[in-house]
Amino acid sequence: MADPEKIIKVSVVTPDGIVYSHNATMVAMRAIDGDRAIMYDHLPIVTPLAIGEVRVKRTHEMNDRVDHIAVNGGYIEFSNNEATIIADSAEQARNIDVKRAQSAKKRAEQHMQEAKEKHNEREMLEAEIALRRAVNRLHVRENYGK
C-alpha cells in the first residue's frame, strides 16, 4: 500500500469538464520541450504540453495500473502535490472512438493535400496539427485502450 504522503492527485480538464481525476504515484507527459515525469514533492511547475500521451501511474491499491490519456496540447500545472492538466481536448484510451479518429485522420490528410496544391502554408499547418491529433488518438487507443 502506498504511503498517503507519497500520492499526488491528477486531474485532466477540458472545456467540456473533468475527463480524468485519480490519485497516482506519477504522471508522465510530453511537454513542448521534451518528456517530463512528476512525482510526489516535485517542484511547482507550469508548462505547455505537446500533442501526445499522458501516462498516469496509479497507486499500489490500484496495482500500479497505468492509465493512458490522449491529450491535444494544453498545459500542466503542478503544486502542492496536485497536477492539473488543462487541454482543449483529452480522451482516456478506452473512450477513444477509433472510427471517428480514423475519419479525422483521413480528413486531415485530404486537407493537407489540398493545402499543398494551393500552396497555402497556414492551411497546411492546421491540417498537420489535425493529423497529429488524430494519429495520437489512434496510437493511444490501439496500444492502451483495453
N, C-alpha and C. Protein backbone atom coordinates (compact mmCIF):
# COMPACT_ATOMS: atom_id res chain seq x y z
N MET A 1 0.84 -1.18 0.00
CA MET A 1 0.00 0.00 0.00
C MET A 1 0.89 1.24 0.00
N ALA A 2 0.58 2.19 -0.86
CA ALA A 2 1.37 3.42 -0.96
C ALA A 2 1.13 4.30 0.25
N ASP A 3 2.20 4.95 0.70
CA ASP A 3 2.03 5.91 1.79
C ASP A 3 1.16 7.05 1.30
N PRO A 4 0.18 7.47 2.11
CA PRO A 4 -0.65 8.60 1.69
C PRO A 4 0.18 9.84 1.40
N GLU A 5 1.33 9.97 2.06
CA GLU A 5 2.17 11.15 1.85
C GLU A 5 2.86 11.14 0.50
N LYS A 6 2.90 10.00 -0.20
CA LYS A 6 3.61 9.88 -1.47
C LYS A 6 2.67 9.89 -2.67
N ILE A 7 1.45 10.30 -2.47
CA ILE A 7 0.43 10.27 -3.52
C ILE A 7 0.18 11.68 -4.04
N ILE A 8 0.02 11.77 -5.35
CA ILE A 8 -0.38 13.04 -5.97
C ILE A 8 -1.78 12.88 -6.55
N LYS A 9 -2.46 13.99 -6.67
CA LYS A 9 -3.79 14.00 -7.30
C LYS A 9 -3.61 14.48 -8.73
N VAL A 10 -4.15 13.73 -9.68
CA VAL A 10 -4.03 14.08 -11.10
C VAL A 10 -5.42 14.32 -11.67
N SER A 11 -5.60 15.47 -12.30
CA SER A 11 -6.86 15.81 -12.95
C SER A 11 -6.58 16.29 -14.37
N VAL A 12 -7.45 15.89 -15.29
CA VAL A 12 -7.40 16.38 -16.66
C VAL A 12 -8.73 17.07 -16.93
N VAL A 13 -8.63 18.34 -17.32
CA VAL A 13 -9.83 19.16 -17.51
C VAL A 13 -9.84 19.72 -18.93
N THR A 14 -11.02 19.69 -19.56
CA THR A 14 -11.21 20.28 -20.88
C THR A 14 -12.37 21.28 -20.78
N PRO A 15 -12.64 22.03 -21.82
CA PRO A 15 -13.81 22.92 -21.78
C PRO A 15 -15.13 22.18 -21.50
N ASP A 16 -15.16 20.88 -21.80
CA ASP A 16 -16.36 20.08 -21.56
C ASP A 16 -16.45 19.55 -20.13
N GLY A 17 -15.41 19.73 -19.34
CA GLY A 17 -15.44 19.28 -17.95
C GLY A 17 -14.25 18.40 -17.60
N ILE A 18 -14.38 17.70 -16.48
CA ILE A 18 -13.31 16.83 -15.98
C ILE A 18 -13.33 15.52 -16.77
N VAL A 19 -12.20 15.20 -17.39
CA VAL A 19 -12.07 13.98 -18.17
C VAL A 19 -11.48 12.87 -17.31
N TYR A 20 -10.66 13.25 -16.32
CA TYR A 20 -9.93 12.26 -15.52
C TYR A 20 -9.61 12.88 -14.18
N SER A 21 -9.73 12.09 -13.12
CA SER A 21 -9.37 12.56 -11.78
C SER A 21 -9.12 11.35 -10.89
N HIS A 22 -7.84 11.13 -10.53
CA HIS A 22 -7.47 9.99 -9.69
C HIS A 22 -6.22 10.32 -8.89
N ASN A 23 -6.00 9.53 -7.85
CA ASN A 23 -4.75 9.58 -7.11
C ASN A 23 -3.73 8.73 -7.85
N ALA A 24 -2.47 9.13 -7.77
CA ALA A 24 -1.42 8.44 -8.51
C ALA A 24 -0.10 8.59 -7.78
N THR A 25 0.88 7.83 -8.27
CA THR A 25 2.23 7.98 -7.74
C THR A 25 3.13 8.72 -8.73
N MET A 26 2.67 8.81 -10.00
CA MET A 26 3.47 9.52 -11.01
C MET A 26 2.58 9.89 -12.19
N VAL A 27 2.91 11.00 -12.83
CA VAL A 27 2.28 11.38 -14.10
C VAL A 27 3.41 11.74 -15.06
N ALA A 28 3.35 11.20 -16.28
CA ALA A 28 4.37 11.48 -17.29
C ALA A 28 3.69 12.00 -18.54
N MET A 29 4.33 12.97 -19.19
CA MET A 29 3.74 13.58 -20.36
C MET A 29 4.82 14.17 -21.25
N ARG A 30 4.42 14.55 -22.46
CA ARG A 30 5.34 15.23 -23.37
C ARG A 30 5.04 16.72 -23.34
N ALA A 31 6.00 17.47 -22.83
CA ALA A 31 5.91 18.93 -22.86
C ALA A 31 6.48 19.40 -24.20
N ILE A 32 6.30 20.66 -24.52
CA ILE A 32 6.82 21.13 -25.81
C ILE A 32 8.34 21.10 -25.86
N ASP A 33 8.99 21.05 -24.69
CA ASP A 33 10.45 21.00 -24.66
C ASP A 33 10.99 19.61 -24.29
N GLY A 34 10.14 18.59 -24.33
CA GLY A 34 10.60 17.23 -24.06
C GLY A 34 9.72 16.51 -23.06
N ASP A 35 10.06 15.26 -22.80
CA ASP A 35 9.28 14.44 -21.88
C ASP A 35 9.52 14.86 -20.44
N ARG A 36 8.48 14.75 -19.64
CA ARG A 36 8.55 15.09 -18.21
C ARG A 36 7.84 14.02 -17.41
N ALA A 37 8.28 13.83 -16.19
CA ALA A 37 7.59 12.97 -15.23
C ALA A 37 7.54 13.72 -13.91
N ILE A 38 6.41 13.62 -13.24
CA ILE A 38 6.21 14.32 -11.98
C ILE A 38 5.78 13.31 -10.93
N MET A 39 6.44 13.40 -9.78
CA MET A 39 6.10 12.55 -8.64
C MET A 39 5.90 13.44 -7.41
N TYR A 40 5.59 12.81 -6.31
CA TYR A 40 5.36 13.50 -5.05
C TYR A 40 6.49 14.47 -4.75
N ASP A 41 6.13 15.66 -4.29
CA ASP A 41 7.06 16.70 -3.86
C ASP A 41 7.90 17.31 -4.99
N HIS A 42 7.48 17.13 -6.23
CA HIS A 42 8.15 17.78 -7.36
C HIS A 42 8.03 19.30 -7.17
N LEU A 43 8.99 20.03 -7.64
CA LEU A 43 8.91 21.49 -7.59
C LEU A 43 7.68 21.97 -8.35
N PRO A 44 7.07 23.05 -7.91
CA PRO A 44 5.93 23.60 -8.66
C PRO A 44 6.35 23.94 -10.09
N ILE A 45 5.43 23.70 -11.01
CA ILE A 45 5.74 23.91 -12.43
C ILE A 45 4.46 24.21 -13.20
N VAL A 46 4.60 25.05 -14.20
CA VAL A 46 3.55 25.25 -15.21
C VAL A 46 4.27 25.15 -16.54
N THR A 47 3.82 24.25 -17.40
CA THR A 47 4.50 24.09 -18.69
C THR A 47 3.50 23.70 -19.77
N PRO A 48 3.71 24.19 -20.99
CA PRO A 48 2.83 23.81 -22.09
C PRO A 48 3.11 22.38 -22.55
N LEU A 49 2.04 21.71 -22.97
CA LEU A 49 2.15 20.32 -23.41
C LEU A 49 2.06 20.24 -24.93
N ALA A 50 2.74 19.24 -25.46
CA ALA A 50 2.63 18.93 -26.88
C ALA A 50 1.45 17.98 -27.07
N ILE A 51 1.04 17.79 -28.30
CA ILE A 51 0.06 16.76 -28.60
C ILE A 51 0.74 15.44 -28.28
N GLY A 52 0.13 14.64 -27.41
CA GLY A 52 0.76 13.39 -27.02
C GLY A 52 -0.03 12.62 -25.99
N GLU A 53 0.63 11.67 -25.43
CA GLU A 53 0.03 10.76 -24.46
C GLU A 53 0.44 11.17 -23.05
N VAL A 54 -0.52 11.15 -22.15
CA VAL A 54 -0.24 11.34 -20.73
C VAL A 54 -0.38 9.97 -20.08
N ARG A 55 0.63 9.59 -19.28
CA ARG A 55 0.59 8.32 -18.56
C ARG A 55 0.49 8.61 -17.07
N VAL A 56 -0.48 7.97 -16.43
CA VAL A 56 -0.69 8.17 -15.00
C VAL A 56 -0.52 6.82 -14.32
N LYS A 57 0.52 6.73 -13.47
CA LYS A 57 0.74 5.50 -12.71
C LYS A 57 -0.08 5.60 -11.43
N ARG A 58 -1.07 4.74 -11.33
CA ARG A 58 -1.98 4.76 -10.20
C ARG A 58 -1.30 4.22 -8.95
N THR A 59 -1.99 4.30 -7.83
CA THR A 59 -1.43 3.89 -6.54
C THR A 59 -1.31 2.38 -6.44
N HIS A 60 -0.60 1.93 -5.41
CA HIS A 60 -0.42 0.50 -5.18
C HIS A 60 -1.76 -0.20 -4.96
N GLU A 61 -2.73 0.52 -4.36
CA GLU A 61 -4.06 -0.07 -4.16
C GLU A 61 -4.70 -0.42 -5.49
N MET A 62 -4.31 0.28 -6.54
CA MET A 62 -4.83 0.01 -7.89
C MET A 62 -3.83 -0.85 -8.68
N ASN A 63 -2.97 -1.59 -7.96
CA ASN A 63 -1.99 -2.49 -8.56
C ASN A 63 -1.03 -1.77 -9.52
N ASP A 64 -0.73 -0.52 -9.20
CA ASP A 64 0.20 0.27 -10.01
C ASP A 64 -0.21 0.35 -11.48
N ARG A 65 -1.50 0.23 -11.73
CA ARG A 65 -2.03 0.32 -13.09
C ARG A 65 -1.63 1.65 -13.72
N VAL A 66 -1.39 1.63 -15.02
CA VAL A 66 -1.06 2.86 -15.74
C VAL A 66 -2.24 3.21 -16.64
N ASP A 67 -2.78 4.41 -16.47
CA ASP A 67 -3.84 4.91 -17.33
C ASP A 67 -3.21 5.77 -18.42
N HIS A 68 -3.77 5.68 -19.62
CA HIS A 68 -3.25 6.43 -20.77
C HIS A 68 -4.33 7.37 -21.28
N ILE A 69 -3.93 8.61 -21.53
CA ILE A 69 -4.87 9.65 -21.96
C ILE A 69 -4.27 10.37 -23.16
N ALA A 70 -5.04 10.47 -24.23
CA ALA A 70 -4.61 11.25 -25.40
C ALA A 70 -4.95 12.71 -25.13
N VAL A 71 -3.92 13.56 -25.15
CA VAL A 71 -4.11 14.99 -24.86
C VAL A 71 -3.67 15.79 -26.08
N ASN A 72 -4.51 16.74 -26.46
CA ASN A 72 -4.20 17.57 -27.63
C ASN A 72 -3.71 18.93 -27.18
N GLY A 73 -2.47 18.94 -26.67
CA GLY A 73 -1.86 20.18 -26.21
C GLY A 73 -2.43 20.61 -24.87
N GLY A 74 -2.21 21.86 -24.54
CA GLY A 74 -2.68 22.39 -23.27
C GLY A 74 -1.52 22.70 -22.35
N TYR A 75 -1.81 22.68 -21.05
CA TYR A 75 -0.81 22.99 -20.02
C TYR A 75 -0.94 22.01 -18.87
N ILE A 76 0.16 21.82 -18.14
CA ILE A 76 0.10 21.13 -16.86
C ILE A 76 0.57 22.11 -15.80
N GLU A 77 -0.14 22.12 -14.70
CA GLU A 77 0.24 22.93 -13.54
C GLU A 77 0.38 21.95 -12.38
N PHE A 78 1.52 22.00 -11.70
CA PHE A 78 1.74 21.13 -10.55
C PHE A 78 2.19 21.97 -9.37
N SER A 79 1.48 21.82 -8.25
CA SER A 79 1.89 22.43 -6.99
C SER A 79 1.14 21.74 -5.87
N ASN A 80 1.73 21.73 -4.70
CA ASN A 80 1.12 21.11 -3.52
C ASN A 80 0.64 19.69 -3.80
N ASN A 81 1.43 18.95 -4.59
CA ASN A 81 1.15 17.56 -4.93
C ASN A 81 -0.17 17.35 -5.66
N GLU A 82 -0.56 18.35 -6.43
CA GLU A 82 -1.73 18.25 -7.31
C GLU A 82 -1.32 18.64 -8.72
N ALA A 83 -1.57 17.74 -9.67
CA ALA A 83 -1.28 18.00 -11.08
C ALA A 83 -2.60 18.23 -11.79
N THR A 84 -2.71 19.37 -12.44
CA THR A 84 -3.90 19.68 -13.22
C THR A 84 -3.47 19.91 -14.66
N ILE A 85 -4.04 19.12 -15.55
CA ILE A 85 -3.79 19.28 -16.98
C ILE A 85 -5.02 19.95 -17.57
N ILE A 86 -4.79 21.07 -18.23
CA ILE A 86 -5.87 21.81 -18.88
C ILE A 86 -5.61 21.70 -20.38
N ALA A 87 -6.55 21.06 -21.09
CA ALA A 87 -6.35 20.80 -22.51
C ALA A 87 -7.60 21.17 -23.31
N ASP A 88 -7.39 21.49 -24.59
CA ASP A 88 -8.53 21.74 -25.47
C ASP A 88 -9.40 20.50 -25.58
N SER A 89 -8.75 19.34 -25.68
CA SER A 89 -9.47 18.08 -25.69
C SER A 89 -8.56 16.99 -25.14
N ALA A 90 -9.18 15.98 -24.56
CA ALA A 90 -8.45 14.85 -23.99
C ALA A 90 -9.41 13.68 -23.88
N GLU A 91 -8.88 12.47 -24.10
CA GLU A 91 -9.71 11.27 -24.00
C GLU A 91 -8.91 10.15 -23.37
N GLN A 92 -9.53 9.43 -22.45
CA GLN A 92 -8.91 8.22 -21.93
C GLN A 92 -8.88 7.19 -23.05
N ALA A 93 -7.86 6.35 -23.06
CA ALA A 93 -7.66 5.39 -24.14
C ALA A 93 -8.92 4.57 -24.42
N ARG A 94 -9.55 4.08 -23.38
CA ARG A 94 -10.71 3.20 -23.57
C ARG A 94 -11.93 3.93 -24.15
N ASN A 95 -11.93 5.27 -24.10
CA ASN A 95 -13.07 6.04 -24.59
C ASN A 95 -12.90 6.57 -26.01
N ILE A 96 -11.75 6.33 -26.61
CA ILE A 96 -11.49 6.86 -27.95
C ILE A 96 -12.25 6.04 -28.98
N ASP A 97 -13.02 6.73 -29.81
CA ASP A 97 -13.77 6.11 -30.89
C ASP A 97 -12.84 5.98 -32.10
N VAL A 98 -12.44 4.75 -32.41
CA VAL A 98 -11.47 4.51 -33.48
C VAL A 98 -12.00 5.00 -34.83
N LYS A 99 -13.26 4.74 -35.12
CA LYS A 99 -13.82 5.17 -36.41
C LYS A 99 -13.77 6.69 -36.56
N ARG A 100 -14.11 7.41 -35.49
CA ARG A 100 -14.04 8.88 -35.54
C ARG A 100 -12.60 9.34 -35.73
N ALA A 101 -11.67 8.71 -35.03
CA ALA A 101 -10.26 9.10 -35.15
C ALA A 101 -9.74 8.80 -36.55
N GLN A 102 -10.13 7.66 -37.12
CA GLN A 102 -9.71 7.33 -38.48
C GLN A 102 -10.29 8.32 -39.49
N SER A 103 -11.55 8.70 -39.29
CA SER A 103 -12.18 9.70 -40.18
C SER A 103 -11.46 11.04 -40.07
N ALA A 104 -11.11 11.43 -38.85
CA ALA A 104 -10.39 12.69 -38.64
C ALA A 104 -9.02 12.64 -39.33
N LYS A 105 -8.36 11.49 -39.25
CA LYS A 105 -7.06 11.33 -39.90
C LYS A 105 -7.21 11.47 -41.41
N LYS A 106 -8.21 10.81 -41.96
CA LYS A 106 -8.43 10.87 -43.41
C LYS A 106 -8.74 12.31 -43.86
N ARG A 107 -9.59 13.00 -43.10
CA ARG A 107 -9.92 14.40 -43.43
C ARG A 107 -8.67 15.28 -43.38
N ALA A 108 -7.85 15.08 -42.36
CA ALA A 108 -6.63 15.88 -42.22
C ALA A 108 -5.68 15.63 -43.39
N GLU A 109 -5.56 14.38 -43.80
CA GLU A 109 -4.69 14.07 -44.94
C GLU A 109 -5.22 14.72 -46.22
N GLN A 110 -6.53 14.72 -46.40
CA GLN A 110 -7.13 15.37 -47.57
C GLN A 110 -6.88 16.88 -47.53
N HIS A 111 -7.06 17.48 -46.34
CA HIS A 111 -6.83 18.92 -46.21
C HIS A 111 -5.36 19.27 -46.46
N MET A 112 -4.47 18.40 -46.02
CA MET A 112 -3.04 18.64 -46.27
C MET A 112 -2.76 18.65 -47.77
N GLN A 113 -3.33 17.69 -48.48
CA GLN A 113 -3.12 17.61 -49.93
C GLN A 113 -3.67 18.85 -50.62
N GLU A 114 -4.88 19.27 -50.23
CA GLU A 114 -5.49 20.46 -50.82
C GLU A 114 -4.65 21.71 -50.53
N ALA A 115 -4.18 21.83 -49.30
CA ALA A 115 -3.36 22.99 -48.92
C ALA A 115 -2.04 23.00 -49.69
N LYS A 116 -1.48 21.82 -49.87
CA LYS A 116 -0.22 21.71 -50.62
C LYS A 116 -0.42 22.15 -52.07
N GLU A 117 -1.53 21.71 -52.66
CA GLU A 117 -1.82 22.08 -54.05
C GLU A 117 -2.05 23.58 -54.20
N LYS A 118 -2.63 24.21 -53.17
CA LYS A 118 -2.90 25.65 -53.20
C LYS A 118 -1.71 26.47 -52.69
N HIS A 119 -0.67 25.78 -52.22
CA HIS A 119 0.50 26.44 -51.63
C HIS A 119 0.08 27.35 -50.47
N ASN A 120 -0.85 26.87 -49.66
CA ASN A 120 -1.37 27.64 -48.53
C ASN A 120 -0.72 27.12 -47.25
N GLU A 121 0.28 27.84 -46.76
CA GLU A 121 1.05 27.39 -45.60
C GLU A 121 0.20 27.32 -44.33
N ARG A 122 -0.66 28.29 -44.14
CA ARG A 122 -1.50 28.31 -42.93
C ARG A 122 -2.41 27.08 -42.88
N GLU A 123 -3.09 26.80 -43.99
CA GLU A 123 -3.96 25.63 -44.04
C GLU A 123 -3.15 24.34 -43.89
N MET A 124 -1.94 24.34 -44.43
CA MET A 124 -1.07 23.17 -44.31
C MET A 124 -0.73 22.92 -42.84
N LEU A 125 -0.38 23.97 -42.10
CA LEU A 125 -0.06 23.83 -40.68
C LEU A 125 -1.27 23.35 -39.89
N GLU A 126 -2.44 23.90 -40.17
CA GLU A 126 -3.66 23.48 -39.48
C GLU A 126 -3.95 22.01 -39.75
N ALA A 127 -3.77 21.58 -40.99
CA ALA A 127 -4.01 20.18 -41.34
C ALA A 127 -2.99 19.27 -40.67
N GLU A 128 -1.73 19.71 -40.58
CA GLU A 128 -0.70 18.92 -39.91
C GLU A 128 -1.04 18.73 -38.43
N ILE A 129 -1.53 19.78 -37.79
CA ILE A 129 -1.93 19.67 -36.38
C ILE A 129 -3.10 18.71 -36.23
N ALA A 130 -4.08 18.83 -37.11
CA ALA A 130 -5.23 17.91 -37.06
C ALA A 130 -4.79 16.47 -37.27
N LEU A 131 -3.84 16.27 -38.17
CA LEU A 131 -3.32 14.92 -38.42
C LEU A 131 -2.59 14.39 -37.19
N ARG A 132 -1.76 15.22 -36.57
CA ARG A 132 -1.04 14.77 -35.36
C ARG A 132 -2.03 14.40 -34.25
N ARG A 133 -3.10 15.17 -34.11
CA ARG A 133 -4.11 14.86 -33.09
C ARG A 133 -4.77 13.51 -33.37
N ALA A 134 -5.16 13.29 -34.62
CA ALA A 134 -5.82 12.03 -34.98
C ALA A 134 -4.88 10.84 -34.79
N VAL A 135 -3.64 10.99 -35.22
CA VAL A 135 -2.66 9.91 -35.07
C VAL A 135 -2.40 9.62 -33.59
N ASN A 136 -2.33 10.66 -32.78
CA ASN A 136 -2.14 10.48 -31.34
C ASN A 136 -3.30 9.69 -30.74
N ARG A 137 -4.52 10.06 -31.08
CA ARG A 137 -5.70 9.36 -30.56
C ARG A 137 -5.67 7.89 -30.98
N LEU A 138 -5.36 7.63 -32.25
CA LEU A 138 -5.30 6.25 -32.73
C LEU A 138 -4.21 5.46 -32.01
N HIS A 139 -3.05 6.08 -31.84
CA HIS A 139 -1.93 5.41 -31.15
C HIS A 139 -2.32 5.03 -29.72
N VAL A 140 -2.88 5.97 -28.99
CA VAL A 140 -3.25 5.71 -27.59
C VAL A 140 -4.32 4.63 -27.53
N ARG A 141 -5.32 4.71 -28.37
CA ARG A 141 -6.41 3.71 -28.36
C ARG A 141 -5.90 2.33 -28.74
N GLU A 142 -5.14 2.25 -29.83
CA GLU A 142 -4.70 0.95 -30.32
C GLU A 142 -3.71 0.28 -29.38
N ASN A 143 -2.91 1.06 -28.67
CA ASN A 143 -1.90 0.47 -27.79
C ASN A 143 -2.37 0.27 -26.35
N TYR A 144 -3.35 1.06 -25.90
CA TYR A 144 -3.70 1.02 -24.48
C TYR A 144 -5.19 0.97 -24.20
N GLY A 145 -6.04 0.95 -25.20
CA GLY A 145 -7.48 1.04 -24.98
C GLY A 145 -8.17 -0.28 -24.78
N LYS A 146 -7.78 -0.99 -23.77
CA LYS A 146 -8.38 -2.31 -23.49
C LYS A 146 -9.77 -2.20 -22.96
